[in-house]
N, C-alpha and C. Protein backbone atom coordinates (compact mmCIF):
# COMPACT_ATOMS: atom_id res chain seq x y z
N UNK A 1 16.72 6.01 9.31
CA UNK A 1 15.68 5.00 9.21
C UNK A 1 16.21 3.68 8.68
N UNK A 2 17.25 3.70 7.83
CA UNK A 2 17.83 2.46 7.37
C UNK A 2 18.44 1.70 8.54
N UNK A 3 19.07 2.46 9.44
CA UNK A 3 19.62 1.81 10.64
C UNK A 3 18.50 1.25 11.50
N UNK A 4 17.39 1.97 11.56
CA UNK A 4 16.23 1.47 12.31
C UNK A 4 15.71 0.16 11.72
N UNK A 5 15.66 0.10 10.37
CA UNK A 5 15.20 -1.12 9.72
C UNK A 5 16.09 -2.29 10.07
N UNK A 6 17.41 -2.09 10.00
CA UNK A 6 18.35 -3.17 10.35
C UNK A 6 18.19 -3.59 11.80
N UNK A 7 18.07 -2.60 12.67
CA UNK A 7 17.91 -2.90 14.10
C UNK A 7 16.63 -3.66 14.35
N UNK A 8 15.55 -3.21 13.69
CA UNK A 8 14.25 -3.86 13.86
C UNK A 8 14.29 -5.33 13.45
N UNK A 9 14.89 -5.59 12.30
CA UNK A 9 14.95 -6.96 11.82
C UNK A 9 15.75 -7.85 12.76
N UNK A 10 16.88 -7.34 13.24
CA UNK A 10 17.70 -8.11 14.16
C UNK A 10 16.92 -8.45 15.43
N UNK A 11 16.21 -7.46 15.97
CA UNK A 11 15.41 -7.70 17.17
C UNK A 11 14.26 -8.63 16.89
N UNK A 12 13.61 -8.41 15.72
CA UNK A 12 12.40 -9.18 15.41
C UNK A 12 12.71 -10.68 15.23
N UNK A 13 13.83 -11.01 14.65
CA UNK A 13 14.12 -12.40 14.35
C UNK A 13 14.98 -13.05 15.40
N UNK A 14 15.32 -12.35 16.48
CA UNK A 14 16.26 -12.88 17.48
C UNK A 14 15.64 -13.87 18.40
N UNK A 15 14.28 -13.89 18.50
CA UNK A 15 13.63 -14.85 19.40
C UNK A 15 12.48 -15.48 18.68
N UNK A 16 12.16 -16.73 19.07
CA UNK A 16 11.07 -17.46 18.45
C UNK A 16 9.73 -16.81 18.76
N UNK A 17 9.60 -16.15 19.90
CA UNK A 17 8.36 -15.50 20.26
C UNK A 17 8.03 -14.38 19.30
N UNK A 18 9.01 -13.56 18.99
CA UNK A 18 8.74 -12.46 18.07
C UNK A 18 8.48 -12.96 16.65
N UNK A 19 9.04 -14.11 16.29
CA UNK A 19 8.86 -14.62 14.93
C UNK A 19 7.35 -14.87 14.65
N UNK A 20 6.61 -15.23 15.67
CA UNK A 20 5.18 -15.58 15.47
C UNK A 20 4.26 -14.40 15.79
N UNK A 21 4.78 -13.26 16.10
CA UNK A 21 3.94 -12.12 16.49
C UNK A 21 3.42 -11.38 15.26
N UNK A 22 2.20 -10.91 15.35
CA UNK A 22 1.63 -10.07 14.32
C UNK A 22 1.58 -8.63 14.86
N UNK A 23 1.92 -7.70 14.01
CA UNK A 23 1.74 -6.28 14.33
C UNK A 23 0.41 -5.86 13.71
N UNK A 24 -0.50 -5.38 14.52
CA UNK A 24 -1.86 -5.09 14.06
C UNK A 24 -2.28 -3.71 14.55
N UNK A 25 -2.85 -2.93 13.65
CA UNK A 25 -3.47 -1.66 14.04
C UNK A 25 -4.77 -1.48 13.31
N UNK A 26 -5.70 -0.82 14.04
CA UNK A 26 -7.00 -0.51 13.45
C UNK A 26 -7.16 0.99 13.36
N UNK A 27 -7.82 1.44 12.28
CA UNK A 27 -7.98 2.87 12.00
C UNK A 27 -9.43 3.16 11.66
N UNK A 28 -9.87 4.37 11.99
CA UNK A 28 -11.13 4.88 11.45
C UNK A 28 -10.81 5.69 10.21
N UNK A 29 -11.73 5.68 9.25
CA UNK A 29 -11.55 6.44 8.01
C UNK A 29 -12.58 7.57 8.02
N UNK A 30 -12.07 8.80 7.92
CA UNK A 30 -12.95 9.95 7.98
C UNK A 30 -12.70 10.90 6.78
N UNK A 31 -13.74 11.61 6.38
CA UNK A 31 -13.62 12.67 5.45
C UNK A 31 -14.65 13.74 5.75
N UNK A 32 -14.25 14.99 5.70
CA UNK A 32 -15.13 16.10 6.02
C UNK A 32 -15.76 15.95 7.36
N UNK A 33 -15.02 15.37 8.31
CA UNK A 33 -15.51 15.21 9.66
C UNK A 33 -16.45 14.07 9.91
N UNK A 34 -16.69 13.26 8.89
CA UNK A 34 -17.64 12.15 8.98
C UNK A 34 -16.91 10.83 8.86
N UNK A 35 -17.21 9.89 9.74
CA UNK A 35 -16.61 8.54 9.67
C UNK A 35 -17.30 7.75 8.59
N UNK A 36 -16.52 7.24 7.62
CA UNK A 36 -17.11 6.50 6.52
C UNK A 36 -16.66 5.03 6.52
N UNK A 37 -15.66 4.69 7.31
CA UNK A 37 -15.21 3.28 7.28
C UNK A 37 -14.19 2.97 8.36
N UNK A 38 -13.74 1.73 8.37
CA UNK A 38 -12.69 1.28 9.28
C UNK A 38 -11.69 0.47 8.49
N UNK A 39 -10.46 0.43 8.97
CA UNK A 39 -9.37 -0.25 8.30
C UNK A 39 -8.52 -1.03 9.31
N UNK A 40 -8.20 -2.25 8.95
CA UNK A 40 -7.29 -3.07 9.77
C UNK A 40 -6.03 -3.38 8.98
N UNK A 41 -4.89 -3.14 9.61
CA UNK A 41 -3.58 -3.29 8.95
C UNK A 41 -2.79 -4.29 9.75
N UNK A 42 -2.38 -5.39 9.11
CA UNK A 42 -1.62 -6.48 9.77
C UNK A 42 -0.29 -6.66 9.07
N UNK A 43 0.76 -6.72 9.86
CA UNK A 43 2.11 -6.91 9.30
C UNK A 43 2.78 -8.08 10.01
N UNK A 44 3.35 -9.02 9.20
CA UNK A 44 4.12 -10.13 9.75
C UNK A 44 5.51 -10.08 9.07
N UNK A 45 6.54 -10.17 9.89
CA UNK A 45 7.89 -10.22 9.34
C UNK A 45 8.66 -11.34 10.03
N UNK A 46 9.31 -12.21 9.23
CA UNK A 46 10.19 -13.22 9.75
C UNK A 46 11.61 -12.90 9.27
N UNK A 47 12.48 -13.83 9.36
CA UNK A 47 13.88 -13.59 9.03
C UNK A 47 14.06 -13.12 7.60
N UNK A 48 13.34 -13.73 6.66
CA UNK A 48 13.55 -13.39 5.24
C UNK A 48 12.24 -13.24 4.46
N UNK A 49 11.14 -13.09 5.15
CA UNK A 49 9.85 -12.93 4.46
C UNK A 49 8.99 -11.87 5.17
N UNK A 50 8.05 -11.32 4.41
CA UNK A 50 7.09 -10.42 5.02
C UNK A 50 5.71 -10.65 4.39
N UNK A 51 4.69 -10.31 5.15
CA UNK A 51 3.31 -10.39 4.69
C UNK A 51 2.56 -9.20 5.21
N UNK A 52 1.84 -8.52 4.33
CA UNK A 52 1.04 -7.33 4.68
C UNK A 52 -0.38 -7.59 4.28
N UNK A 53 -1.29 -7.38 5.23
CA UNK A 53 -2.71 -7.51 4.92
C UNK A 53 -3.46 -6.26 5.39
N UNK A 54 -4.30 -5.76 4.51
CA UNK A 54 -5.12 -4.59 4.83
C UNK A 54 -6.56 -4.91 4.44
N UNK A 55 -7.48 -4.68 5.36
CA UNK A 55 -8.91 -4.88 5.13
C UNK A 55 -9.67 -3.62 5.55
N UNK A 56 -10.57 -3.18 4.69
CA UNK A 56 -11.36 -2.00 5.01
C UNK A 56 -12.82 -2.24 4.68
N UNK A 57 -13.67 -1.53 5.40
CA UNK A 57 -15.12 -1.69 5.23
C UNK A 57 -15.84 -0.41 5.60
N UNK A 58 -16.97 -0.19 4.92
CA UNK A 58 -17.76 1.00 5.22
C UNK A 58 -18.29 0.94 6.67
N UNK A 59 -18.48 2.11 7.22
CA UNK A 59 -18.93 2.22 8.61
C UNK A 59 -19.55 3.61 8.79
N UNK A 60 -20.55 3.70 9.65
CA UNK A 60 -21.15 4.98 9.97
C UNK A 60 -22.45 5.24 9.26
N UNK A 61 -22.99 6.44 9.37
CA UNK A 61 -24.28 6.80 8.86
C UNK A 61 -24.39 6.67 7.35
N UNK A 62 -23.28 6.90 6.63
CA UNK A 62 -23.31 6.86 5.18
C UNK A 62 -23.38 5.43 4.65
N UNK A 63 -23.21 4.45 5.54
CA UNK A 63 -23.24 3.06 5.10
C UNK A 63 -24.57 2.69 4.45
N UNK A 64 -25.63 3.39 4.82
CA UNK A 64 -26.93 3.12 4.24
C UNK A 64 -26.97 3.46 2.75
N UNK A 65 -26.10 4.41 2.35
CA UNK A 65 -26.15 4.91 0.98
C UNK A 65 -24.96 4.43 0.17
N UNK A 66 -23.84 4.16 0.80
CA UNK A 66 -22.63 3.79 0.06
C UNK A 66 -21.91 2.68 0.78
N UNK A 67 -21.95 1.49 0.23
CA UNK A 67 -21.28 0.34 0.84
C UNK A 67 -20.03 0.01 0.05
N UNK A 68 -18.97 -0.30 0.78
CA UNK A 68 -17.74 -0.72 0.12
C UNK A 68 -16.97 -1.62 1.07
N UNK A 69 -16.14 -2.44 0.47
CA UNK A 69 -15.22 -3.30 1.25
C UNK A 69 -14.02 -3.60 0.36
N UNK A 70 -12.88 -3.82 0.99
CA UNK A 70 -11.68 -4.10 0.24
C UNK A 70 -10.71 -4.96 1.06
N UNK A 71 -10.01 -5.82 0.38
CA UNK A 71 -8.97 -6.61 1.01
C UNK A 71 -7.73 -6.57 0.11
N UNK A 72 -6.58 -6.40 0.74
CA UNK A 72 -5.34 -6.26 0.01
C UNK A 72 -4.27 -7.13 0.74
N UNK A 73 -3.46 -7.84 -0.03
CA UNK A 73 -2.43 -8.65 0.58
C UNK A 73 -1.17 -8.64 -0.29
N UNK A 74 -0.03 -8.44 0.33
CA UNK A 74 1.25 -8.46 -0.34
C UNK A 74 2.16 -9.46 0.38
N UNK A 75 2.86 -10.28 -0.40
CA UNK A 75 3.86 -11.20 0.13
C UNK A 75 5.19 -10.86 -0.53
N UNK A 76 6.27 -11.06 0.22
CA UNK A 76 7.58 -10.79 -0.36
C UNK A 76 8.71 -11.37 0.46
N UNK A 77 9.89 -11.15 -0.02
CA UNK A 77 11.09 -11.61 0.67
C UNK A 77 11.96 -10.43 1.04
N UNK A 78 12.85 -10.65 1.98
CA UNK A 78 13.75 -9.62 2.48
C UNK A 78 15.18 -10.06 2.16
N UNK A 79 15.91 -9.22 1.44
CA UNK A 79 17.32 -9.48 1.11
C UNK A 79 18.13 -8.23 1.41
N UNK A 80 19.13 -8.40 2.27
CA UNK A 80 20.02 -7.28 2.59
C UNK A 80 19.24 -6.02 3.00
N UNK A 81 18.25 -6.24 3.83
CA UNK A 81 17.42 -5.16 4.39
C UNK A 81 16.58 -4.43 3.31
N UNK A 82 16.32 -5.11 2.23
CA UNK A 82 15.44 -4.54 1.18
C UNK A 82 14.27 -5.46 0.95
N UNK A 83 13.13 -4.86 0.58
CA UNK A 83 11.90 -5.62 0.35
C UNK A 83 11.74 -5.92 -1.13
N UNK A 84 11.43 -7.19 -1.45
CA UNK A 84 11.19 -7.62 -2.81
C UNK A 84 9.85 -8.35 -2.86
N UNK A 85 8.81 -7.70 -3.41
CA UNK A 85 7.50 -8.38 -3.44
C UNK A 85 7.51 -9.59 -4.35
N UNK A 86 6.71 -10.59 -3.99
CA UNK A 86 6.51 -11.76 -4.84
C UNK A 86 5.07 -11.82 -5.38
N UNK A 87 4.13 -11.32 -4.60
CA UNK A 87 2.73 -11.32 -5.08
C UNK A 87 1.91 -10.23 -4.38
N UNK A 88 0.87 -9.79 -5.05
CA UNK A 88 -0.04 -8.79 -4.53
C UNK A 88 -1.44 -9.10 -5.05
N UNK A 89 -2.44 -9.12 -4.15
CA UNK A 89 -3.82 -9.37 -4.52
C UNK A 89 -4.71 -8.31 -3.93
N UNK A 90 -5.59 -7.77 -4.76
CA UNK A 90 -6.52 -6.72 -4.31
C UNK A 90 -7.92 -7.11 -4.72
N UNK A 91 -8.83 -7.06 -3.77
CA UNK A 91 -10.27 -7.22 -4.01
C UNK A 91 -10.99 -5.98 -3.54
N UNK A 92 -11.78 -5.37 -4.39
CA UNK A 92 -12.51 -4.17 -4.05
C UNK A 92 -13.96 -4.34 -4.50
N UNK A 93 -14.90 -3.97 -3.62
CA UNK A 93 -16.29 -4.15 -3.94
C UNK A 93 -17.13 -2.98 -3.42
N UNK A 94 -18.02 -2.48 -4.25
CA UNK A 94 -19.03 -1.49 -3.83
C UNK A 94 -20.40 -2.09 -4.11
N UNK A 95 -21.42 -1.27 -3.96
CA UNK A 95 -22.78 -1.77 -4.19
C UNK A 95 -22.97 -2.32 -5.60
N UNK A 96 -22.26 -1.75 -6.57
CA UNK A 96 -22.49 -2.15 -7.96
C UNK A 96 -21.20 -2.48 -8.74
N UNK A 97 -20.08 -2.56 -8.07
CA UNK A 97 -18.82 -2.88 -8.76
C UNK A 97 -17.98 -3.85 -7.98
N UNK A 98 -17.26 -4.70 -8.72
CA UNK A 98 -16.27 -5.58 -8.14
C UNK A 98 -15.00 -5.48 -8.99
N UNK A 99 -13.85 -5.34 -8.31
CA UNK A 99 -12.58 -5.28 -9.04
C UNK A 99 -11.59 -6.19 -8.35
N UNK A 100 -10.81 -6.90 -9.20
CA UNK A 100 -9.80 -7.85 -8.72
C UNK A 100 -8.50 -7.55 -9.45
N UNK A 101 -7.42 -7.48 -8.70
CA UNK A 101 -6.09 -7.25 -9.26
C UNK A 101 -5.13 -8.27 -8.63
N UNK A 102 -4.34 -8.91 -9.47
CA UNK A 102 -3.31 -9.83 -8.99
C UNK A 102 -2.02 -9.54 -9.72
N UNK A 103 -0.94 -9.32 -8.98
CA UNK A 103 0.38 -9.05 -9.56
C UNK A 103 1.33 -10.14 -9.08
N UNK A 104 2.20 -10.63 -9.99
CA UNK A 104 3.23 -11.57 -9.62
C UNK A 104 4.58 -11.01 -9.99
N UNK A 105 5.53 -11.09 -9.04
CA UNK A 105 6.88 -10.58 -9.23
C UNK A 105 7.88 -11.71 -9.08
N UNK A 106 9.02 -11.60 -9.75
CA UNK A 106 10.14 -12.50 -9.57
C UNK A 106 11.44 -11.78 -9.79
N UNK A 107 12.29 -11.82 -8.80
CA UNK A 107 13.61 -11.17 -8.89
C UNK A 107 13.46 -9.72 -9.23
N UNK A 108 12.51 -9.03 -8.57
CA UNK A 108 12.28 -7.59 -8.71
C UNK A 108 11.71 -7.22 -10.08
N UNK A 109 11.15 -8.18 -10.79
CA UNK A 109 10.57 -7.93 -12.12
C UNK A 109 9.10 -8.34 -12.07
N UNK A 110 8.22 -7.52 -12.63
CA UNK A 110 6.79 -7.88 -12.74
C UNK A 110 6.66 -8.94 -13.84
N UNK A 111 6.17 -10.13 -13.44
CA UNK A 111 6.03 -11.22 -14.42
C UNK A 111 4.63 -11.32 -15.00
N UNK A 112 3.60 -11.04 -14.18
CA UNK A 112 2.24 -11.26 -14.66
C UNK A 112 1.26 -10.36 -13.95
N UNK A 113 0.20 -10.00 -14.65
CA UNK A 113 -0.89 -9.20 -14.07
C UNK A 113 -2.23 -9.80 -14.50
N UNK A 114 -3.11 -9.96 -13.52
CA UNK A 114 -4.48 -10.44 -13.81
C UNK A 114 -5.47 -9.38 -13.32
N UNK A 115 -6.40 -8.99 -14.17
CA UNK A 115 -7.42 -7.99 -13.82
C UNK A 115 -8.79 -8.60 -14.10
N UNK A 116 -9.71 -8.34 -13.22
CA UNK A 116 -11.10 -8.76 -13.42
C UNK A 116 -12.00 -7.64 -12.89
N UNK A 117 -12.81 -7.00 -13.71
CA UNK A 117 -13.01 -7.31 -15.15
C UNK A 117 -11.78 -6.99 -16.00
N UNK A 118 -11.63 -7.69 -17.09
CA UNK A 118 -10.49 -7.49 -17.98
C UNK A 118 -10.58 -6.13 -18.66
N UNK A 119 -9.44 -5.54 -18.89
CA UNK A 119 -9.41 -4.25 -19.60
C UNK A 119 -9.61 -4.49 -21.09
N UNK A 120 -10.41 -3.63 -21.69
CA UNK A 120 -10.62 -3.70 -23.14
C UNK A 120 -9.72 -2.72 -23.90
N UNK A 121 -9.15 -1.76 -23.17
CA UNK A 121 -8.22 -0.83 -23.77
C UNK A 121 -6.86 -1.50 -23.93
N UNK A 122 -6.06 -0.98 -24.87
CA UNK A 122 -4.68 -1.49 -25.00
C UNK A 122 -3.83 -0.80 -23.92
N UNK A 123 -2.80 -1.51 -23.49
CA UNK A 123 -1.93 -0.99 -22.44
C UNK A 123 -1.03 0.10 -23.01
N UNK A 124 -0.98 1.24 -22.35
CA UNK A 124 -0.16 2.35 -22.74
C UNK A 124 1.20 2.33 -22.03
N UNK A 125 1.40 1.31 -21.21
CA UNK A 125 2.67 1.08 -20.51
C UNK A 125 3.06 -0.38 -20.75
N UNK A 126 4.30 -0.62 -21.10
CA UNK A 126 4.79 -1.99 -21.22
C UNK A 126 5.04 -2.54 -19.83
N UNK A 127 3.95 -2.93 -19.17
CA UNK A 127 4.05 -3.29 -17.75
C UNK A 127 4.76 -4.60 -17.51
N UNK A 128 4.68 -5.53 -18.48
CA UNK A 128 5.39 -6.79 -18.26
C UNK A 128 6.88 -6.56 -18.33
N UNK A 129 7.57 -7.15 -17.40
CA UNK A 129 9.02 -7.06 -17.28
C UNK A 129 9.45 -5.72 -16.68
N UNK A 130 8.50 -4.93 -16.12
CA UNK A 130 8.93 -3.74 -15.39
C UNK A 130 9.83 -4.17 -14.25
N UNK A 131 10.94 -3.48 -14.11
CA UNK A 131 11.93 -3.88 -13.11
C UNK A 131 12.04 -2.81 -12.05
N UNK A 132 12.14 -3.26 -10.79
CA UNK A 132 12.34 -2.33 -9.68
C UNK A 132 11.05 -1.69 -9.15
N UNK A 133 9.89 -2.18 -9.58
CA UNK A 133 8.63 -1.67 -9.09
C UNK A 133 8.08 -2.57 -8.01
N UNK A 134 7.35 -1.97 -7.07
CA UNK A 134 6.70 -2.70 -6.00
C UNK A 134 5.18 -2.47 -6.05
N UNK A 135 4.45 -3.38 -5.42
CA UNK A 135 3.01 -3.13 -5.22
C UNK A 135 2.82 -2.00 -4.18
N UNK A 136 1.63 -1.44 -4.08
CA UNK A 136 1.42 -0.31 -3.17
C UNK A 136 1.76 -0.64 -1.69
N UNK A 137 1.36 -1.81 -1.19
CA UNK A 137 1.60 -2.11 0.21
C UNK A 137 3.09 -2.26 0.50
N UNK A 138 3.82 -2.93 -0.41
CA UNK A 138 5.27 -3.09 -0.22
C UNK A 138 5.97 -1.73 -0.33
N UNK A 139 5.49 -0.86 -1.21
CA UNK A 139 6.10 0.47 -1.34
C UNK A 139 5.94 1.27 -0.07
N UNK A 140 4.74 1.24 0.50
CA UNK A 140 4.48 2.00 1.73
C UNK A 140 5.33 1.46 2.87
N UNK A 141 5.39 0.14 3.01
CA UNK A 141 6.19 -0.44 4.07
C UNK A 141 7.67 -0.08 3.88
N UNK A 142 8.17 -0.13 2.68
CA UNK A 142 9.55 0.23 2.41
C UNK A 142 9.83 1.66 2.79
N UNK A 143 8.88 2.57 2.53
CA UNK A 143 9.07 3.99 2.91
C UNK A 143 9.02 4.14 4.42
N UNK A 144 8.10 3.43 5.08
CA UNK A 144 8.00 3.50 6.54
C UNK A 144 9.32 3.07 7.19
N UNK A 145 9.99 2.09 6.58
CA UNK A 145 11.20 1.54 7.17
C UNK A 145 12.47 2.30 6.79
N UNK A 146 12.49 2.81 5.57
CA UNK A 146 13.77 3.40 5.08
C UNK A 146 13.70 4.85 4.65
N UNK A 147 12.50 5.38 4.44
CA UNK A 147 12.31 6.75 3.94
C UNK A 147 12.84 6.93 2.54
N UNK A 148 13.09 5.84 1.82
CA UNK A 148 13.57 5.90 0.47
C UNK A 148 12.40 5.87 -0.54
N UNK A 149 12.57 6.49 -1.68
CA UNK A 149 11.55 6.55 -2.70
C UNK A 149 11.25 5.12 -3.22
N UNK A 150 10.06 4.94 -3.82
CA UNK A 150 9.66 3.60 -4.27
C UNK A 150 8.78 3.71 -5.51
N UNK A 151 9.23 3.09 -6.60
CA UNK A 151 8.41 3.00 -7.80
C UNK A 151 7.30 1.95 -7.59
N UNK A 152 6.10 2.28 -8.04
CA UNK A 152 4.92 1.51 -7.63
C UNK A 152 4.03 1.19 -8.84
N UNK A 153 3.45 0.00 -8.82
CA UNK A 153 2.43 -0.38 -9.81
C UNK A 153 1.26 -1.02 -9.05
N UNK A 154 0.03 -0.63 -9.37
CA UNK A 154 -1.13 -1.16 -8.68
C UNK A 154 -2.15 -1.86 -9.58
N UNK A 155 -1.76 -2.08 -10.83
CA UNK A 155 -2.61 -2.77 -11.78
C UNK A 155 -3.32 -1.79 -12.73
N UNK A 156 -3.55 -0.57 -12.28
CA UNK A 156 -4.19 0.42 -13.09
C UNK A 156 -3.24 1.55 -13.52
N UNK A 157 -2.21 1.77 -12.72
CA UNK A 157 -1.33 2.89 -12.98
C UNK A 157 0.07 2.61 -12.41
N UNK A 158 1.03 3.39 -12.84
CA UNK A 158 2.38 3.35 -12.25
C UNK A 158 2.70 4.75 -11.75
N UNK A 159 3.49 4.83 -10.69
CA UNK A 159 3.89 6.12 -10.15
C UNK A 159 5.07 5.96 -9.19
N UNK A 160 5.64 7.08 -8.84
CA UNK A 160 6.75 7.13 -7.88
C UNK A 160 6.26 7.72 -6.57
N UNK A 161 6.41 7.01 -5.47
CA UNK A 161 6.14 7.57 -4.14
C UNK A 161 7.44 8.15 -3.64
N UNK A 162 7.43 9.46 -3.44
CA UNK A 162 8.64 10.20 -3.14
C UNK A 162 8.54 10.97 -1.83
N UNK A 163 9.18 10.51 -0.76
CA UNK A 163 9.20 11.29 0.49
C UNK A 163 9.77 12.65 0.25
N UNK A 164 9.10 13.68 0.71
CA UNK A 164 9.56 15.05 0.46
C UNK A 164 10.28 15.57 1.68
N UNK A 165 10.82 16.76 1.55
CA UNK A 165 11.47 17.45 2.66
C UNK A 165 10.46 18.17 3.55
N UNK A 166 9.16 18.08 3.19
CA UNK A 166 8.11 18.79 3.93
C UNK A 166 7.54 17.86 5.01
N UNK A 167 8.32 17.54 5.98
CA UNK A 167 7.85 16.77 7.12
C UNK A 167 7.43 15.38 6.78
N UNK A 168 6.12 15.13 6.90
CA UNK A 168 5.59 13.76 6.76
C UNK A 168 4.99 13.47 5.38
N UNK A 169 5.13 14.37 4.45
CA UNK A 169 4.44 14.24 3.18
C UNK A 169 5.18 13.28 2.22
N UNK A 170 4.39 12.47 1.48
CA UNK A 170 4.92 11.62 0.45
C UNK A 170 4.24 12.05 -0.84
N UNK A 171 5.01 12.52 -1.82
CA UNK A 171 4.47 13.00 -3.06
C UNK A 171 4.27 11.88 -4.04
N UNK A 172 3.32 12.07 -4.95
CA UNK A 172 3.07 11.09 -6.00
C UNK A 172 3.55 11.71 -7.30
N UNK A 173 4.61 11.14 -7.90
CA UNK A 173 5.23 11.70 -9.09
C UNK A 173 5.24 10.64 -10.20
N UNK A 174 5.52 11.10 -11.41
CA UNK A 174 5.66 10.24 -12.59
C UNK A 174 4.44 9.33 -12.75
N UNK A 175 3.29 9.90 -12.54
CA UNK A 175 2.00 9.18 -12.54
C UNK A 175 1.60 8.86 -13.97
N UNK A 176 1.39 7.59 -14.31
CA UNK A 176 0.99 7.17 -15.63
C UNK A 176 -0.15 6.17 -15.55
N UNK A 177 -1.26 6.46 -16.25
CA UNK A 177 -2.37 5.52 -16.34
C UNK A 177 -1.99 4.44 -17.37
N UNK A 178 -2.14 3.18 -16.99
CA UNK A 178 -1.77 2.10 -17.91
C UNK A 178 -2.82 1.92 -18.98
N UNK A 179 -4.12 2.09 -18.63
CA UNK A 179 -5.21 1.72 -19.52
C UNK A 179 -5.99 2.92 -20.05
N UNK A 180 -5.61 4.13 -19.69
CA UNK A 180 -6.36 5.31 -20.12
C UNK A 180 -5.42 6.26 -20.86
N UNK A 181 -6.00 7.08 -21.75
CA UNK A 181 -5.20 7.99 -22.56
C UNK A 181 -5.01 9.34 -21.88
N UNK A 182 -5.43 9.48 -20.64
CA UNK A 182 -5.17 10.72 -19.90
C UNK A 182 -4.25 10.41 -18.73
N UNK A 183 -3.64 11.42 -18.23
CA UNK A 183 -2.69 11.22 -17.10
C UNK A 183 -3.15 12.04 -15.87
N UNK A 184 -4.46 12.05 -15.67
CA UNK A 184 -5.02 12.72 -14.47
C UNK A 184 -4.54 11.98 -13.23
N UNK A 185 -4.00 12.71 -12.30
CA UNK A 185 -3.44 12.15 -11.08
C UNK A 185 -4.48 12.21 -9.98
N UNK A 186 -5.26 11.12 -9.77
CA UNK A 186 -6.29 11.14 -8.72
C UNK A 186 -5.66 11.12 -7.33
N UNK A 187 -4.51 10.45 -7.18
CA UNK A 187 -3.82 10.38 -5.89
C UNK A 187 -2.74 11.45 -5.92
N UNK A 188 -2.89 12.48 -5.07
CA UNK A 188 -1.96 13.61 -5.12
C UNK A 188 -0.82 13.46 -4.13
N UNK A 189 -1.13 13.10 -2.90
CA UNK A 189 -0.07 12.90 -1.93
C UNK A 189 -0.62 12.18 -0.68
N UNK A 190 0.30 11.74 0.17
CA UNK A 190 -0.04 11.19 1.46
C UNK A 190 0.78 11.89 2.53
N UNK A 191 0.26 11.95 3.71
CA UNK A 191 1.01 12.37 4.88
C UNK A 191 0.95 11.26 5.91
N UNK A 192 2.10 10.80 6.34
CA UNK A 192 2.19 9.68 7.28
C UNK A 192 2.84 10.15 8.57
N UNK A 193 2.13 9.97 9.68
CA UNK A 193 2.63 10.32 10.99
C UNK A 193 2.94 9.06 11.75
N UNK A 194 4.24 8.89 12.05
CA UNK A 194 4.73 7.64 12.56
C UNK A 194 5.50 7.84 13.86
N UNK A 195 5.21 7.02 14.84
CA UNK A 195 6.02 6.96 16.04
C UNK A 195 7.35 6.30 15.68
N UNK A 196 8.49 6.93 15.99
CA UNK A 196 9.79 6.41 15.60
C UNK A 196 10.07 5.03 16.16
N UNK A 197 9.40 4.67 17.24
CA UNK A 197 9.62 3.36 17.86
C UNK A 197 8.69 2.27 17.32
N UNK A 198 7.79 2.69 16.40
CA UNK A 198 6.81 1.74 15.86
C UNK A 198 6.86 1.81 14.34
N UNK A 199 6.49 0.70 13.71
CA UNK A 199 6.53 0.68 12.26
C UNK A 199 5.24 1.24 11.66
N UNK A 200 4.11 0.67 12.01
CA UNK A 200 2.85 1.11 11.43
C UNK A 200 2.49 2.51 11.95
N UNK A 201 1.97 3.36 11.10
CA UNK A 201 1.77 4.76 11.46
C UNK A 201 0.60 4.97 12.44
N UNK A 202 0.64 6.12 13.05
CA UNK A 202 -0.44 6.52 13.97
C UNK A 202 -1.59 7.21 13.21
N UNK A 203 -1.22 7.93 12.15
CA UNK A 203 -2.24 8.67 11.36
C UNK A 203 -1.75 8.79 9.92
N UNK A 204 -2.69 8.74 8.98
CA UNK A 204 -2.40 8.95 7.57
C UNK A 204 -3.41 9.92 7.00
N UNK A 205 -2.94 10.87 6.22
CA UNK A 205 -3.82 11.76 5.45
C UNK A 205 -3.59 11.48 3.98
N UNK A 206 -4.67 11.28 3.26
CA UNK A 206 -4.60 10.99 1.81
C UNK A 206 -5.38 12.05 1.04
N UNK A 207 -4.73 12.68 0.08
CA UNK A 207 -5.44 13.57 -0.82
C UNK A 207 -5.74 12.83 -2.09
N UNK A 208 -7.01 12.54 -2.35
CA UNK A 208 -7.41 11.71 -3.46
C UNK A 208 -8.59 12.36 -4.16
N UNK A 209 -8.45 12.61 -5.46
CA UNK A 209 -9.52 13.26 -6.26
C UNK A 209 -9.98 14.55 -5.59
N UNK A 210 -9.05 15.31 -5.04
CA UNK A 210 -9.36 16.62 -4.48
C UNK A 210 -9.92 16.60 -3.09
N UNK A 211 -10.19 15.42 -2.52
CA UNK A 211 -10.72 15.29 -1.17
C UNK A 211 -9.65 14.76 -0.21
N UNK A 212 -9.79 15.10 1.05
CA UNK A 212 -8.87 14.63 2.07
C UNK A 212 -9.53 13.53 2.86
N UNK A 213 -8.80 12.42 3.02
CA UNK A 213 -9.26 11.29 3.83
C UNK A 213 -8.28 11.11 4.99
N UNK A 214 -8.84 10.89 6.17
CA UNK A 214 -8.02 10.79 7.38
C UNK A 214 -8.14 9.36 7.94
N UNK A 215 -7.02 8.71 8.13
CA UNK A 215 -7.00 7.42 8.80
C UNK A 215 -6.36 7.65 10.18
N UNK A 216 -7.16 7.41 11.23
CA UNK A 216 -6.70 7.66 12.59
C UNK A 216 -6.74 6.37 13.38
N UNK A 217 -5.65 6.08 14.10
CA UNK A 217 -5.57 4.87 14.87
C UNK A 217 -6.66 4.84 15.94
N UNK A 218 -7.34 3.71 16.04
CA UNK A 218 -8.38 3.57 17.05
C UNK A 218 -7.75 3.09 18.34
């Protein structure tokens, strides 16, 4: 996969046409056989930069009872076929909650974190100056391209995304809540099914809080 990453970048940046192209996929989100939402995933890569955008929204019969929407964006640079995030922004909204997360990175070090609403608990992780961590979108893209493990911070917790030897499964290890005194792991694992000739996956299975969520390409 590292060779694939190198080959992809060479092909992607070799013509001006490809430089301006967006890779876009849309997915339905299902659980227990019911469609609950839709997700759009957009990836842009140039010679030395990348941008990832993910937008999701409720959909289907349950929309009458449970509304949600989310937007996520990661920006970063590419050096020697490695991804280094520079910023990550997350907006999440339900019928009665709004959450905002902003992370800033510099030279592979987390420089700043903004949360809204602000946390009233003290941080149980010295998150400032964490080195070698990526935001969730950059971590997933790195795994899709290289199959290498990736340390991750999302504003609420830190963890290691570890590709296993069990086919398409990505395990969640070293899970630590930054703002809570428990270490309950709500995100247990992901399964990513990827066409070897394409970057963005065809299907994703997420085990979260004991439930399975299926993202299927539309």
